[in-house]
Amino acid sequence: MSNAQIGLLAGLLLAIAAILGGLGGFLLAVVFAAAATALGAHRDGSIDLGALLRGRIHG
């Protein structure tokens, strides 16, 4: 199991409490799952989150 898959699973498990909140909880669960998947993919080296977080330097 890759880090991205583990991250997705962790995000879904952490969002179980939010799911009990109806539509808002469901949307929050989707956000948690997406964030955890992105962090897992970053650890696998599939994506570079550092490039997204760094601002472009003009000059």
PDB file of N, CA and C in Angstrom:
ATOM      1  N   MET A   1       0.851  -1.165   0.000  1.00  0.00           N
ATOM      2  CA  MET A   1       0.000   0.000   0.000  1.00  0.00           C
ATOM      3  C   MET A   1       0.904   1.237   0.000  1.00  0.00           C
ATOM      4  N   SER A   2       0.642   2.148  -0.917  1.00  0.00           N
ATOM      5  CA  SER A   2       1.476   3.346  -1.036  1.00  0.00           C
ATOM      6  C   SER A   2       1.096   4.373   0.024  1.00  0.00           C
ATOM      7  N   ASN A   3       1.956   5.356   0.190  1.00  0.00           N
ATOM      8  CA  ASN A   3       1.680   6.422   1.153  1.00  0.00           C
ATOM      9  C   ASN A   3       0.431   7.210   0.771  1.00  0.00           C
ATOM     10  N   ALA A   4       0.180   7.353  -0.527  1.00  0.00           N
ATOM     11  CA  ALA A   4      -1.018   8.074  -0.961  1.00  0.00           C
ATOM     12  C   ALA A   4      -2.275   7.319  -0.537  1.00  0.00           C
ATOM     13  N   GLN A   5      -2.262   6.011  -0.664  1.00  0.00           N
ATOM     14  CA  GLN A   5      -3.419   5.212  -0.255  1.00  0.00           C
ATOM     15  C   GLN A   5      -3.591   5.244   1.260  1.00  0.00           C
ATOM     16  N   ILE A   6      -2.490   5.176   1.989  1.00  0.00           N
ATOM     17  CA  ILE A   6      -2.562   5.269   3.449  1.00  0.00           C
ATOM     18  C   ILE A   6      -3.087   6.640   3.861  1.00  0.00           C
ATOM     19  N   GLY A   7      -2.640   7.675   3.173  1.00  0.00           N
ATOM     20  CA  GLY A   7      -3.123   9.023   3.458  1.00  0.00           C
ATOM     21  C   GLY A   7      -4.613   9.159   3.200  1.00  0.00           C
ATOM     22  N   LEU A   8      -5.087   8.561   2.115  1.00  0.00           N
ATOM     23  CA  LEU A   8      -6.511   8.593   1.816  1.00  0.00           C
ATOM     24  C   LEU A   8      -7.290   7.882   2.907  1.00  0.00           C
ATOM     25  N   LEU A   9      -6.842   6.723   3.313  1.00  0.00           N
ATOM     26  CA  LEU A   9      -7.508   5.967   4.367  1.00  0.00           C
ATOM     27  C   LEU A   9      -7.503   6.745   5.681  1.00  0.00           C
ATOM     28  N   ALA A  10      -6.375   7.341   6.015  1.00  0.00           N
ATOM     29  CA  ALA A  10      -6.284   8.128   7.251  1.00  0.00           C
ATOM     30  C   ALA A  10      -7.222   9.331   7.207  1.00  0.00           C
ATOM     31  N   GLY A  11      -7.277   9.999   6.079  1.00  0.00           N
ATOM     32  CA  GLY A  11      -8.174  11.146   5.946  1.00  0.00           C
ATOM     33  C   GLY A  11      -9.630  10.754   6.094  1.00  0.00           C
ATOM     34  N   LEU A  12     -10.001   9.621   5.533  1.00  0.00           N
ATOM     35  CA  LEU A  12     -11.381   9.165   5.664  1.00  0.00           C
ATOM     36  C   LEU A  12     -11.695   8.748   7.095  1.00  0.00           C
ATOM     37  N   LEU A  13     -10.744   8.095   7.751  1.00  0.00           N
ATOM     38  CA  LEU A  13     -10.969   7.694   9.134  1.00  0.00           C
ATOM     39  C   LEU A  13     -11.066   8.893  10.070  1.00  0.00           C
ATOM     40  N   LEU A  14     -10.228   9.903   9.837  1.00  0.00           N
ATOM     41  CA  LEU A  14     -10.294  11.102  10.664  1.00  0.00           C
ATOM     42  C   LEU A  14     -11.582  11.882  10.437  1.00  0.00           C
ATOM     43  N   ALA A  15     -12.207  11.691   9.292  1.00  0.00           N
ATOM     44  CA  ALA A  15     -13.406  12.448   8.961  1.00  0.00           C
ATOM     45  C   ALA A  15     -14.693  11.751   9.388  1.00  0.00           C
ATOM     46  N   ILE A  16     -14.605  10.587  10.018  1.00  0.00           N
ATOM     47  CA  ILE A  16     -15.825   9.879  10.412  1.00  0.00           C
ATOM     48  C   ILE A  16     -16.692  10.745  11.322  1.00  0.00           C
ATOM     49  N   ALA A  17     -16.091  11.448  12.234  1.00  0.00           N
ATOM     50  CA  ALA A  17     -16.858  12.321  13.126  1.00  0.00           C
ATOM     51  C   ALA A  17     -17.557  13.419  12.336  1.00  0.00           C
ATOM     52  N   ALA A  18     -16.913  13.905  11.296  1.00  0.00           N
ATOM     53  CA  ALA A  18     -17.511  14.977  10.494  1.00  0.00           C
ATOM     54  C   ALA A  18     -18.682  14.458   9.663  1.00  0.00           C
ATOM     55  N   ILE A  19     -18.643  13.177   9.301  1.00  0.00           N
ATOM     56  CA  ILE A  19     -19.709  12.609   8.483  1.00  0.00           C
ATOM     57  C   ILE A  19     -21.038  12.653   9.215  1.00  0.00           C
ATOM     58  N   LEU A  20     -20.998  12.561  10.529  1.00  0.00           N
ATOM     59  CA  LEU A  20     -22.222  12.587  11.314  1.00  0.00           C
ATOM     60  C   LEU A  20     -22.915  13.944  11.243  1.00  0.00           C
ATOM     61  N   GLY A  21     -22.257  14.918  10.663  1.00  0.00           N
ATOM     62  CA  GLY A  21     -22.810  16.270  10.593  1.00  0.00           C
ATOM     63  C   GLY A  21     -23.641  16.547   9.357  1.00  0.00           C
ATOM     64  N   GLY A  22     -24.041  15.552   8.582  1.00  0.00           N
ATOM     65  CA  GLY A  22     -24.869  15.777   7.400  1.00  0.00           C
ATOM     66  C   GLY A  22     -24.044  16.190   6.191  1.00  0.00           C
ATOM     67  N   LEU A  23     -24.615  17.067   5.352  1.00  0.00           N
ATOM     68  CA  LEU A  23     -23.955  17.494   4.125  1.00  0.00           C
ATOM     69  C   LEU A  23     -22.641  18.223   4.420  1.00  0.00           C
ATOM     70  N   GLY A  24     -22.650  19.075   5.430  1.00  0.00           N
ATOM     71  CA  GLY A  24     -21.421  19.783   5.803  1.00  0.00           C
ATOM     72  C   GLY A  24     -20.337  18.805   6.224  1.00  0.00           C
ATOM     73  N   GLY A  25     -20.721  17.786   6.961  1.00  0.00           N
ATOM     74  CA  GLY A  25     -19.766  16.763   7.373  1.00  0.00           C
ATOM     75  C   GLY A  25     -19.239  15.978   6.196  1.00  0.00           C
ATOM     76  N   PHE A  26     -20.108  15.677   5.235  1.00  0.00           N
ATOM     77  CA  PHE A  26     -19.670  14.963   4.032  1.00  0.00           C
ATOM     78  C   PHE A  26     -18.652  15.782   3.257  1.00  0.00           C
ATOM     79  N   LEU A  27     -18.919  17.061   3.088  1.00  0.00           N
ATOM     80  CA  LEU A  27     -17.986  17.923   2.357  1.00  0.00           C
ATOM     81  C   LEU A  27     -16.660  18.048   3.104  1.00  0.00           C
ATOM     82  N   LEU A  28     -16.730  18.113   4.428  1.00  0.00           N
ATOM     83  CA  LEU A  28     -15.511  18.170   5.220  1.00  0.00           C
ATOM     84  C   LEU A  28     -14.721  16.871   5.081  1.00  0.00           C
ATOM     85  N   ALA A  29     -15.416  15.739   5.012  1.00  0.00           N
ATOM     86  CA  ALA A  29     -14.746  14.458   4.816  1.00  0.00           C
ATOM     87  C   ALA A  29     -14.033  14.413   3.476  1.00  0.00           C
ATOM     88  N   VAL A  30     -14.638  14.966   2.447  1.00  0.00           N
ATOM     89  CA  VAL A  30     -14.006  15.016   1.130  1.00  0.00           C
ATOM     90  C   VAL A  30     -12.741  15.870   1.178  1.00  0.00           C
ATOM     91  N   VAL A  31     -12.792  16.992   1.884  1.00  0.00           N
ATOM     92  CA  VAL A  31     -11.623  17.861   2.014  1.00  0.00           C
ATOM     93  C   VAL A  31     -10.513  17.147   2.771  1.00  0.00           C
ATOM     94  N   PHE A  32     -10.853  16.474   3.883  1.00  0.00           N
ATOM     95  CA  PHE A  32      -9.855  15.726   4.645  1.00  0.00           C
ATOM     96  C   PHE A  32      -9.220  14.639   3.791  1.00  0.00           C
ATOM     97  N   ALA A  33     -10.035  13.916   3.039  1.00  0.00           N
ATOM     98  CA  ALA A  33      -9.515  12.831   2.202  1.00  0.00           C
ATOM     99  C   ALA A  33      -8.589  13.369   1.117  1.00  0.00           C
ATOM    100  N   ALA A  34      -8.949  14.487   0.505  1.00  0.00           N
ATOM    101  CA  ALA A  34      -8.114  15.071  -0.545  1.00  0.00           C
ATOM    102  C   ALA A  34      -6.782  15.559   0.023  1.00  0.00           C
ATOM    103  N   ALA A  35      -6.825  16.199   1.180  1.00  0.00           N
ATOM    104  CA  ALA A  35      -5.593  16.691   1.799  1.00  0.00           C
ATOM    105  C   ALA A  35      -4.683  15.539   2.195  1.00  0.00           C
ATOM    106  N   ALA A  36      -5.244  14.489   2.777  1.00  0.00           N
ATOM    107  CA  ALA A  36      -4.441  13.343   3.188  1.00  0.00           C
ATOM    108  C   ALA A  36      -3.857  12.620   1.978  1.00  0.00           C
ATOM    109  N   THR A  37      -4.618  12.531   0.902  1.00  0.00           N
ATOM    110  CA  THR A  37      -4.116  11.899  -0.318  1.00  0.00           C
ATOM    111  C   THR A  37      -2.972  12.717  -0.912  1.00  0.00           C
ATOM    112  N   ALA A  38      -3.101  14.038  -0.905  1.00  0.00           N
ATOM    113  CA  ALA A  38      -2.034  14.893  -1.425  1.00  0.00           C
ATOM    114  C   ALA A  38      -0.771  14.755  -0.592  1.00  0.00           C
ATOM    115  N   LEU A  39      -0.903  14.696   0.727  1.00  0.00           N
ATOM    116  CA  LEU A  39       0.268  14.529   1.580  1.00  0.00           C
ATOM    117  C   LEU A  39       0.928  13.169   1.355  1.00  0.00           C
ATOM    118  N   GLY A  40       0.122  12.139   1.183  1.00  0.00           N
ATOM    119  CA  GLY A  40       0.677  10.816   0.908  1.00  0.00           C
ATOM    120  C   GLY A  40       1.384  10.760  -0.436  1.00  0.00           C
ATOM    121  N   ALA A  41       0.802  11.391  -1.454  1.00  0.00           N
ATOM    122  CA  ALA A  41       1.438  11.428  -2.765  1.00  0.00           C
ATOM    123  C   ALA A  41       2.738  12.227  -2.714  1.00  0.00           C
ATOM    124  N   HIS A  42       2.766  13.256  -1.881  1.00  0.00           N
ATOM    125  CA  HIS A  42       3.997  14.039  -1.708  1.00  0.00           C
ATOM    126  C   HIS A  42       5.083  13.163  -1.096  1.00  0.00           C
ATOM    127  N   ARG A  43       4.726  12.360  -0.097  1.00  0.00           N
ATOM    128  CA  ARG A  43       5.700  11.465   0.525  1.00  0.00           C
ATOM    129  C   ARG A  43       6.185  10.397  -0.459  1.00  0.00           C
ATOM    130  N   ASP A  44       5.310   9.976  -1.389  1.00  0.00           N
ATOM    131  CA  ASP A  44       5.715   9.004  -2.414  1.00  0.00           C
ATOM    132  C   ASP A  44       6.596   9.644  -3.475  1.00  0.00           C
ATOM    133  N   GLY A  45       6.581  10.965  -3.575  1.00  0.00           N
ATOM    134  CA  GLY A  45       7.350  11.658  -4.594  1.00  0.00           C
ATOM    135  C   GLY A  45       6.570  11.858  -5.884  1.00  0.00           C
ATOM    136  N   SER A  46       5.259  11.587  -5.861  1.00  0.00           N
ATOM    137  CA  SER A  46       4.432  11.751  -7.058  1.00  0.00           C
ATOM    138  C   SER A  46       4.179  13.219  -7.379  1.00  0.00           C
ATOM    139  N   ILE A  47       4.021  14.027  -6.332  1.00  0.00           N
ATOM    140  CA  ILE A  47       3.787  15.455  -6.533  1.00  0.00           C
ATOM    141  C   ILE A  47       4.717  16.238  -5.614  1.00  0.00           C
ATOM    142  N   ASP A  48       4.930  17.509  -5.937  1.00  0.00           N
ATOM    143  CA  ASP A  48       5.796  18.365  -5.141  1.00  0.00           C
ATOM    144  C   ASP A  48       4.963  19.483  -4.533  1.00  0.00           C
ATOM    145  N   LEU A  49       4.568  19.293  -3.278  1.00  0.00           N
ATOM    146  CA  LEU A  49       3.772  20.315  -2.612  1.00  0.00           C
ATOM    147  C   LEU A  49       4.599  21.555  -2.295  1.00  0.00           C
ATOM    148  N   GLY A  50       5.908  21.400  -2.179  1.00  0.00           N
ATOM    149  CA  GLY A  50       6.773  22.541  -1.912  1.00  0.00           C
ATOM    150  C   GLY A  50       6.700  23.576  -3.016  1.00  0.00           C
ATOM    151  N   ALA A  51       6.543  23.116  -4.254  1.00  0.00           N
ATOM    152  CA  ALA A  51       6.433  24.044  -5.375  1.00  0.00           C
ATOM    153  C   ALA A  51       5.139  24.846  -5.299  1.00  0.00           C
ATOM    154  N   LEU A  52       4.085  24.227  -4.771  1.00  0.00           N
ATOM    155  CA  LEU A  52       2.816  24.946  -4.629  1.00  0.00           C
ATOM    156  C   LEU A  52       2.871  25.959  -3.489  1.00  0.00           C
ATOM    157  N   LEU A  53       3.631  25.625  -2.446  1.00  0.00           N
ATOM    158  CA  LEU A  53       3.671  26.493  -1.275  1.00  0.00           C
ATOM    159  C   LEU A  53       4.646  27.649  -1.430  1.00  0.00           C
ATOM    160  N   ARG A  54       5.641  27.490  -2.292  1.00  0.00           N
ATOM    161  CA  ARG A  54       6.598  28.568  -2.525  1.00  0.00           C
ATOM    162  C   ARG A  54       5.992  29.606  -3.462  1.00  0.00           C
ATOM    163  N   GLY A  55       6.135  30.845  -3.132  1.00  0.00           N
ATOM    164  CA  GLY A  55       5.670  31.900  -4.021  1.00  0.00           C
ATOM    165  C   GLY A  55       6.689  32.138  -5.126  1.00  0.00           C
ATOM    166  N   ARG A  56       6.220  32.638  -6.228  1.00  0.00           N
ATOM    167  CA  ARG A  56       7.153  32.979  -7.297  1.00  0.00           C
ATOM    168  C   ARG A  56       7.867  34.264  -6.958  1.00  0.00           C
ATOM    169  N   ILE A  57       9.163  34.274  -7.171  1.00  0.00           N
ATOM    170  CA  ILE A  57       9.961  35.467  -6.882  1.00  0.00           C
ATOM    171  C   ILE A  57      10.158  36.227  -8.198  1.00  0.00           C
ATOM    172  N   HIS A  58       9.672  37.447  -8.225  1.00  0.00           N
ATOM    173  CA  HIS A  58       9.808  38.286  -9.419  1.00  0.00           C
ATOM    174  C   HIS A  58      11.005  39.206  -9.221  1.00  0.00           C
ATOM    175  N   GLY A  59      11.788  39.301 -10.267  1.00  0.00           N
ATOM    176  CA  GLY A  59      12.869  40.261 -10.145  1.00  0.00           C
ATOM    177  C   GLY A  59      14.082  39.891 -10.839  1.00  0.00           C
TER     178      GLY A  59
END
